[in-house]
Amino acid sequence: MIKGVLREICKGKTLAEIAEDLGMEYTALIAMLEHLVKMGYLEKGKKENTGLCASCPLQKVCSKRNYTVYFLTDKGKKLTGSC
């Protein structure tokens, strides 16, 4: 399950997509992500809506001005063999 979550993050999927694809409750996924951060497989960062959302057609109406992004660490990349 850990590798599956990390692979989905590597693909750039949203947390909702990951939860649905893996048949998990959204809250369980969030708890797992926090655990993966503590284990050193993921880094958590805050991103502001600068550049990343520039091409999105919903940019002007989106409420996601600041959001959390999860990145695979070297340890996470090594485990999945990707990213």
Protein backbone atom coordinates (compact mmCIF):
# COMPACT_ATOMS: atom_id res chain seq x y z
CA MET A 1 0.00 0.00 0.00
CA ILE A 2 2.86 2.41 0.80
CA LYS A 3 4.46 1.90 -2.60
CA GLY A 4 1.10 2.39 -4.28
CA VAL A 5 0.52 5.73 -2.56
CA LEU A 6 4.03 6.91 -3.37
CA ARG A 7 3.67 5.90 -7.02
CA GLU A 8 0.39 7.77 -7.32
CA ILE A 9 1.96 10.90 -5.83
CA CYS A 10 4.82 10.52 -8.28
CA LYS A 11 2.27 10.51 -11.13
CA GLY A 12 0.97 13.87 -9.93
CA LYS A 13 -2.49 12.70 -8.93
CA THR A 14 -4.60 14.63 -6.47
CA LEU A 15 -5.25 13.18 -3.03
CA ALA A 16 -8.89 12.60 -3.94
CA GLU A 17 -7.84 10.66 -7.04
CA ILE A 18 -5.35 8.60 -5.05
CA ALA A 19 -7.92 7.74 -2.39
CA GLU A 20 -10.45 6.70 -5.03
CA ASP A 21 -7.97 4.73 -7.13
CA LEU A 22 -6.67 2.83 -4.11
CA GLY A 23 -10.09 2.36 -2.50
CA MET A 24 -9.17 4.33 0.62
CA GLU A 25 -11.06 6.82 2.72
CA TYR A 26 -9.68 10.32 2.20
CA THR A 27 -9.00 10.77 5.91
CA ALA A 28 -7.10 7.46 6.03
CA LEU A 29 -4.95 8.64 3.13
CA ILE A 30 -4.14 11.90 4.92
CA ALA A 31 -3.11 9.94 8.03
CA MET A 32 -0.93 7.67 5.90
CA LEU A 33 0.72 10.66 4.21
CA GLU A 34 1.57 12.19 7.58
CA HIS A 35 3.06 8.87 8.65
CA LEU A 36 5.10 8.69 5.42
CA VAL A 37 6.42 12.19 6.13
CA LYS A 38 7.54 11.06 9.61
CA MET A 39 9.15 7.94 8.09
CA GLY A 40 11.12 10.09 5.65
CA TYR A 41 9.47 8.94 2.40
CA LEU A 42 7.71 12.25 1.74
CA GLU A 43 8.30 15.93 2.31
CA LYS A 44 5.43 18.27 2.86
CA GLY A 45 5.54 21.82 1.57
CA LYS A 46 3.25 24.78 1.19
CA LYS A 47 2.89 26.22 -2.26
CA GLU A 48 1.30 29.47 -3.19
CA ASN A 49 -0.76 29.86 -6.31
CA THR A 50 2.12 31.30 -8.31
CA GLY A 51 2.89 29.76 -11.65
CA LEU A 52 1.67 26.25 -10.89
CA CYS A 53 -1.92 27.21 -11.56
CA ALA A 54 -1.30 29.74 -14.34
CA SER A 55 -2.63 27.47 -17.07
CA CYS A 56 -5.70 26.27 -15.16
CA PRO A 57 -8.99 27.57 -16.56
CA LEU A 58 -10.44 27.73 -13.03
CA GLN A 59 -7.59 29.85 -11.67
CA LYS A 60 -9.71 32.98 -11.15
CA VAL A 61 -12.44 31.20 -9.18
CA CYS A 62 -10.37 28.63 -7.31
CA SER A 63 -10.21 28.85 -3.54
CA LYS A 64 -6.90 26.99 -3.38
CA ARG A 65 -4.59 29.97 -3.02
CA ASN A 66 -2.31 28.14 -0.63
CA TYR A 67 -2.18 24.38 -0.54
CA THR A 68 -0.06 21.50 0.69
CA VAL A 69 2.06 19.57 -1.77
CA TYR A 70 3.75 16.25 -1.04
CA PHE A 71 7.12 15.45 -2.64
CA LEU A 72 8.95 12.14 -2.65
CA THR A 73 12.27 12.25 -0.85
CA ASP A 74 15.29 10.33 -2.12
CA LYS A 75 14.22 7.53 0.22
CA GLY A 76 10.72 7.53 -1.31
CA LYS A 77 12.12 7.58 -4.84
CA LYS A 78 14.40 4.68 -4.01
CA LEU A 79 11.51 2.64 -2.64
CA THR A 80 9.35 3.18 -5.73
CA GLY A 81 12.17 3.14 -8.25
CA SER A 82 10.59 6.14 -9.97
CA CYS A 83 10.19 9.92 -10.05
